[in-house]
Amino acid sequence: MNIVTKGSNDVDINLEEIRGLLLSLKPYRNTQIRDLKGQQAENFKKLVDYIATSYETPVYNDIHYLITDVFQDVINEGDIEPGSVGAFYFGCTLQTNFRGNASCTPICSASVSPGKDVPGWNSCNEVTMLYYPESSSFAAINQLPEGKRENAYIFIRAGNKFESFSQEEAQQLKNYGIENVKLVYYDAGGTSYTDITPDFVNLDTITRYDGVRKVQNSSLVQRSNGTTGSGITPANTSSQTDPLNPSNIFTTENNSYFGIGLFIIIVIIIILFLVLLWRYFANRG
């Protein structure tokens, strides 16, 4: 039993209990945190509370050791889906090819950090966000206070083709306080990254206005083959945050679902009209 003092409160932390909780969640390492239910969700929340309470105390190192010990075999596999249980616990221990602060990757920015005293470790000071083009929605992974959200890494699943944000999508980001973005493709394993923009660019330079993309400097966007242009297709493909909700800041959608629904209704009406027309001529014959 370890006693951790936070403020005026003493908290009992049982390392054997923590090991048991970690073992109970290990089979769910590939499960998205938002999909945890029942006892697994309770165990996850309890562990998050322990981690947050022990951070910046000697006990935190003991907990981090337990995490590494329990998940060592799967850590060696090298891949983990961003937003999953596994990413939260050991995402920051994986090697990636990310060109920037490693703590800003989607598998690390809202995950258990190795600790502030680890040489070379720096917490992410930019917003880290996933972009879902199919629903025009965003999910913020880490949480930064207002006034510190000017720059954001926007990660897009490899296999999607990014051309530009719609005006509505850009407004979502601006409403959150974001002015500049760096766009990056990521693979399913969360360890391989391909830059879309070479650095942070102003949001307006990659936003469509009235159906036309407004380009202030086309050289800011680079194709995977080294040429510039508006379309980029890859070759393939928490004191840092509040770890309880690694992707909860906002998820919004535009009217794409309405448009799909309207299209389906029109198709059904056309089919019914053709059936009635066929019956009419059949009866005349």
Protein backbone atom coordinates (compact mmCIF):
# COMPACT_ATOMS: atom_id res chain seq x y z
CA MET A 1 0.00 0.00 0.00
CA ASN A 2 1.29 3.45 -0.94
CA ILE A 3 0.01 6.72 0.47
CA VAL A 4 -0.07 9.61 -2.00
CA THR A 5 -0.74 13.13 -0.77
CA LYS A 6 -2.53 15.47 -3.17
CA GLY A 7 -3.31 18.83 -1.68
CA SER A 8 -4.79 18.19 1.72
CA ASN A 9 -5.94 14.66 0.87
CA ASP A 10 -4.16 11.34 1.33
CA VAL A 11 -4.99 8.63 -1.22
CA ASP A 12 -4.25 4.94 -0.71
CA ILE A 13 -2.85 3.30 -3.85
CA ASN A 14 -2.54 -0.48 -3.89
CA LEU A 15 -0.11 -1.52 -6.62
CA GLU A 16 -1.41 -5.09 -6.65
CA GLU A 17 -4.92 -3.77 -7.27
CA ILE A 18 -3.55 -1.68 -10.13
CA ARG A 19 -1.85 -4.73 -11.63
CA GLY A 20 -5.16 -6.59 -11.45
CA LEU A 21 -7.00 -3.74 -13.16
CA LEU A 22 -4.40 -3.60 -15.92
CA LEU A 23 -4.66 -7.35 -16.49
CA SER A 24 -8.45 -7.08 -16.70
CA LEU A 25 -8.15 -4.46 -19.45
CA LYS A 26 -5.36 -6.12 -21.43
CA PRO A 27 -7.76 -8.25 -23.54
CA TYR A 28 -9.49 -4.99 -24.53
CA ARG A 29 -6.30 -3.24 -25.67
CA ASN A 30 -7.65 -2.89 -29.24
CA THR A 31 -11.04 -1.60 -28.07
CA GLN A 32 -11.76 2.09 -28.49
CA ILE A 33 -12.01 3.77 -25.09
CA ARG A 34 -15.40 5.22 -25.97
CA ASP A 35 -16.70 1.67 -26.59
CA LEU A 36 -15.84 0.32 -23.12
CA LYS A 37 -18.90 -0.70 -21.13
CA GLY A 38 -19.80 -2.10 -17.74
CA GLN A 39 -16.99 -3.36 -15.54
CA GLN A 40 -14.30 -2.60 -18.11
CA ALA A 41 -15.36 1.05 -18.26
CA GLU A 42 -15.33 1.24 -14.46
CA ASN A 43 -11.88 -0.37 -14.27
CA PHE A 44 -10.54 2.03 -16.87
CA LYS A 45 -11.87 5.06 -15.01
CA LYS A 46 -10.47 3.81 -11.72
CA LEU A 47 -7.02 3.41 -13.26
CA VAL A 48 -7.19 6.87 -14.79
CA ASP A 49 -7.97 8.29 -11.34
CA TYR A 50 -4.99 6.48 -9.83
CA ILE A 51 -2.69 7.70 -12.59
CA ALA A 52 -3.87 11.30 -12.30
CA THR A 53 -3.53 11.20 -8.49
CA SER A 54 -0.03 9.77 -8.55
CA TYR A 55 1.36 11.98 -11.32
CA GLU A 56 4.38 14.03 -10.15
CA THR A 57 4.84 11.68 -7.17
CA PRO A 58 7.30 8.78 -6.78
CA VAL A 59 4.40 6.30 -7.00
CA TYR A 60 3.78 7.31 -10.62
CA ASN A 61 7.03 5.61 -11.64
CA ASP A 62 5.85 2.40 -9.94
CA ILE A 63 2.56 2.53 -11.84
CA HIS A 64 4.32 3.20 -15.12
CA TYR A 65 6.56 0.20 -14.49
CA LEU A 66 3.48 -1.98 -13.93
CA ILE A 67 1.93 -0.77 -17.17
CA THR A 68 5.08 -1.62 -19.11
CA ASP A 69 5.36 -5.00 -17.39
CA VAL A 70 1.74 -6.02 -18.05
CA PHE A 71 1.68 -4.85 -21.69
CA GLN A 72 5.28 -5.66 -22.64
CA ASP A 73 4.42 -8.50 -25.01
CA VAL A 74 1.92 -6.41 -26.98
CA ILE A 75 4.19 -3.36 -26.88
CA ASN A 76 6.70 -5.47 -28.80
CA GLU A 77 4.10 -5.96 -31.55
CA GLY A 78 4.64 -2.29 -32.38
CA ASP A 79 1.19 -1.17 -33.59
CA ILE A 80 -1.89 0.14 -31.84
CA GLU A 81 -4.99 1.97 -33.04
CA PRO A 82 -5.27 5.62 -31.90
CA GLY A 83 -8.02 6.11 -29.34
CA SER A 84 -7.81 2.52 -28.09
CA VAL A 85 -7.18 1.24 -24.57
CA GLY A 86 -3.73 0.09 -25.62
CA ALA A 87 -2.84 3.49 -27.07
CA PHE A 88 -3.76 5.13 -23.78
CA TYR A 89 -1.53 2.87 -21.71
CA PHE A 90 1.51 2.36 -23.91
CA GLY A 91 1.14 4.58 -26.99
CA CYS A 92 3.95 6.86 -25.81
CA THR A 93 6.40 3.94 -25.63
CA LEU A 94 6.12 3.04 -29.33
CA GLN A 95 8.63 4.21 -31.91
CA THR A 96 7.16 6.21 -34.81
CA ASN A 97 8.41 8.12 -37.85
CA PHE A 98 6.50 11.25 -36.82
CA ARG A 99 8.42 14.42 -37.74
CA GLY A 100 7.80 16.49 -34.65
CA ASN A 101 7.28 16.17 -30.93
CA ALA A 102 6.51 12.47 -30.39
CA SER A 103 4.06 13.36 -27.63
CA CYS A 104 1.82 15.02 -30.25
CA THR A 105 1.02 11.80 -32.12
CA PRO A 106 -2.57 10.52 -31.81
CA ILE A 107 -1.32 7.43 -29.95
CA CYS A 108 0.49 9.53 -27.34
CA SER A 109 -0.96 13.02 -26.88
CA ALA A 110 -3.68 11.86 -24.47
CA SER A 111 -1.86 8.79 -23.19
CA VAL A 112 0.10 7.82 -20.10
CA SER A 113 3.38 9.70 -20.35
CA PRO A 114 6.75 8.27 -19.30
CA GLY A 115 6.96 11.05 -16.71
CA LYS A 116 8.19 14.62 -16.72
CA ASP A 117 11.64 13.63 -15.42
CA VAL A 118 12.46 11.41 -18.41
CA PRO A 119 15.27 13.02 -20.47
CA GLY A 120 14.06 14.38 -23.80
CA TRP A 121 10.39 14.15 -22.90
CA ASN A 122 8.20 17.17 -23.60
CA SER A 123 4.43 17.31 -23.34
CA CYS A 124 2.47 18.31 -26.44
CA ASN A 125 1.60 22.01 -26.51
CA GLU A 126 -0.53 21.87 -29.67
CA VAL A 127 -4.06 20.58 -30.16
CA THR A 128 -4.07 17.02 -31.51
CA MET A 129 -7.16 16.08 -33.48
CA LEU A 130 -8.54 13.33 -35.72
CA TYR A 131 -10.49 14.30 -38.85
CA TYR A 132 -13.19 12.03 -40.31
CA PRO A 133 -13.86 13.20 -43.91
CA GLU A 134 -16.81 10.85 -44.41
CA SER A 135 -18.82 12.67 -41.73
CA SER A 136 -17.04 16.05 -41.79
CA SER A 137 -16.34 15.62 -38.09
CA PHE A 138 -13.41 16.12 -35.76
CA ALA A 139 -12.40 14.47 -32.49
CA ALA A 140 -9.93 16.30 -30.28
CA ILE A 141 -7.58 13.89 -28.55
CA ASN A 142 -5.93 16.18 -26.05
CA GLN A 143 -7.39 19.14 -24.22
CA LEU A 144 -5.70 22.51 -23.99
CA PRO A 145 -7.12 25.59 -22.28
CA GLU A 146 -8.66 28.39 -24.30
CA GLY A 147 -6.03 30.77 -25.55
CA LYS A 148 -3.58 27.93 -26.23
CA ARG A 149 -5.38 26.32 -29.16
CA GLU A 150 -3.99 28.42 -31.99
CA ASN A 151 -2.03 25.56 -33.57
CA ALA A 152 -3.39 22.07 -34.20
CA TYR A 153 -2.15 18.82 -35.67
CA ILE A 154 -4.97 17.34 -37.77
CA PHE A 155 -4.51 13.62 -38.40
CA ILE A 156 -6.31 11.91 -41.28
CA ARG A 157 -6.50 8.13 -41.71
CA ALA A 158 -4.32 7.03 -44.63
CA GLY A 159 -6.42 5.94 -47.59
CA ASN A 160 -8.51 9.12 -47.52
CA LYS A 161 -7.69 11.84 -50.03
CA PHE A 162 -7.49 15.31 -48.55
CA GLU A 163 -8.06 18.26 -50.86
CA SER A 164 -9.41 21.00 -48.61
CA PHE A 165 -11.77 21.72 -45.74
CA SER A 166 -15.27 22.94 -46.45
CA GLN A 167 -16.22 26.33 -45.07
CA GLU A 168 -18.36 24.63 -42.42
CA GLU A 169 -15.49 22.36 -41.34
CA ALA A 170 -13.10 25.30 -41.12
CA GLN A 171 -15.63 27.18 -39.00
CA GLN A 172 -15.77 24.27 -36.54
CA LEU A 173 -12.02 24.55 -36.08
CA LYS A 174 -12.10 28.33 -35.79
CA ASN A 175 -14.87 28.15 -33.21
CA TYR A 176 -12.58 25.98 -31.15
CA GLY A 177 -9.84 28.59 -31.37
CA ILE A 178 -7.69 27.01 -34.08
CA GLU A 179 -6.01 29.30 -36.61
CA ASN A 180 -3.15 27.22 -38.01
CA VAL A 181 -3.04 23.51 -38.80
CA LYS A 182 -0.52 20.90 -39.83
CA LEU A 183 -2.13 18.00 -41.71
CA VAL A 184 -0.72 14.50 -41.40
CA TYR A 185 -1.82 11.10 -42.67
CA TYR A 186 -1.57 8.24 -40.17
CA ASP A 187 -1.74 4.48 -40.67
CA ALA A 188 -3.99 2.05 -38.82
CA GLY A 189 -1.14 0.99 -36.55
CA GLY A 190 -0.55 4.53 -35.36
CA THR A 191 3.23 4.46 -35.92
CA SER A 192 3.65 5.57 -39.55
CA TYR A 193 2.96 9.17 -40.61
CA THR A 194 3.11 11.12 -43.88
CA ASP A 195 3.06 14.92 -43.87
CA ILE A 196 0.43 16.58 -46.03
CA THR A 197 1.58 20.09 -45.21
CA PRO A 198 5.27 20.53 -44.41
CA ASP A 199 4.50 22.81 -41.47
CA PHE A 200 1.64 24.68 -39.83
CA VAL A 201 -0.37 26.69 -42.36
CA ASN A 202 -3.15 29.18 -41.93
CA LEU A 203 -6.55 27.49 -42.03
CA ASP A 204 -7.82 29.80 -44.77
CA THR A 205 -5.20 28.51 -47.24
CA ILE A 206 -6.77 25.04 -47.28
CA THR A 207 -10.46 25.97 -47.10
CA ARG A 208 -13.03 26.00 -49.92
CA TYR A 209 -15.14 29.14 -50.19
CA ASP A 210 -18.32 29.06 -52.31
CA GLY A 211 -17.24 25.72 -53.72
CA VAL A 212 -13.78 26.96 -54.71
CA ARG A 213 -10.69 26.35 -52.69
CA LYS A 214 -9.02 29.58 -51.61
CA VAL A 215 -5.26 29.23 -52.09
CA GLN A 216 -3.05 31.99 -50.79
CA ASN A 217 0.18 30.04 -51.26
CA SER A 218 0.01 26.79 -53.18
CA SER A 219 3.53 25.86 -52.11
CA LEU A 220 2.26 25.28 -48.59
CA VAL A 221 0.61 22.05 -49.65
CA GLN A 222 2.83 19.32 -51.01
CA ARG A 223 2.01 16.12 -52.84
CA SER A 224 3.59 12.86 -51.76
CA ASN A 225 5.70 12.88 -54.94
CA GLY A 226 7.16 16.30 -54.14
CA THR A 227 5.00 18.41 -56.45
CA THR A 228 2.61 21.04 -55.19
CA GLY A 229 -1.15 21.14 -55.60
CA SER A 230 -4.50 21.01 -53.89
CA GLY A 231 -4.96 17.23 -53.83
CA ILE A 232 -2.65 14.92 -51.90
CA THR A 233 -2.80 11.13 -52.06
CA PRO A 234 -0.30 9.11 -50.00
CA ALA A 235 1.54 6.14 -51.44
CA ASN A 236 -0.42 3.90 -49.12
CA THR A 237 -1.99 4.22 -46.59
CA SER A 238 -2.35 12.98 -19.52
CA SER A 239 -1.42 15.89 -17.53
CA GLN A 240 -1.03 16.56 -21.16
CA THR A 241 -4.80 16.20 -21.34
CA ASP A 242 -7.80 14.97 -19.48
CA PRO A 243 -7.29 11.22 -20.01
CA LEU A 244 -10.86 10.39 -19.07
CA ASN A 245 -12.10 11.72 -22.38
CA PRO A 246 -9.30 11.52 -24.95
CA SER A 247 -11.63 12.31 -27.84
CA ASN A 248 -14.53 14.17 -26.31
CA ILE A 249 -14.08 17.84 -27.05
CA PHE A 250 -16.33 17.99 -30.06
CA THR A 251 -17.65 15.76 -32.77
CA THR A 252 -19.90 17.55 -35.23
CA GLU A 253 -21.36 16.65 -38.59
CA ASN A 254 -22.61 18.67 -41.51
CA ASN A 255 -25.63 18.05 -43.67
CA SER A 256 -24.11 15.14 -45.62
CA TYR A 257 -26.50 12.62 -44.04
CA PHE A 258 -29.45 14.80 -45.03
CA GLY A 259 -28.22 14.89 -48.61
CA ILE A 260 -27.82 11.10 -48.71
CA GLY A 261 -31.31 10.61 -47.30
CA LEU A 262 -32.81 13.00 -49.86
CA PHE A 263 -31.04 11.17 -52.68
CA ILE A 264 -32.45 7.81 -51.51
CA ILE A 265 -35.98 9.24 -51.35
CA ILE A 266 -35.69 10.61 -54.90
CA VAL A 267 -34.47 7.23 -56.19
CA ILE A 268 -37.42 5.46 -54.52
CA ILE A 269 -39.89 7.94 -56.05
CA ILE A 270 -38.40 7.40 -59.53
CA ILE A 271 -38.63 3.61 -59.13
CA LEU A 272 -42.29 3.83 -58.03
CA PHE A 273 -43.07 6.10 -60.97
CA LEU A 274 -41.51 3.64 -63.43
CA VAL A 275 -43.46 0.73 -61.89
CA LEU A 276 -46.74 2.64 -62.21
CA LEU A 277 -45.88 3.60 -65.79
CA TRP A 278 -45.12 -0.03 -66.65
CA ARG A 279 -48.42 -1.20 -65.15
CA TYR A 280 -50.33 1.46 -67.08
CA PHE A 281 -48.98 0.38 -70.46
CA ALA A 282 -49.28 -3.30 -69.52
CA ASN A 283 -52.98 -2.89 -68.74
CA ARG A 284 -53.55 -1.06 -72.05
CA GLY A 285 -51.94 -3.94 -73.91
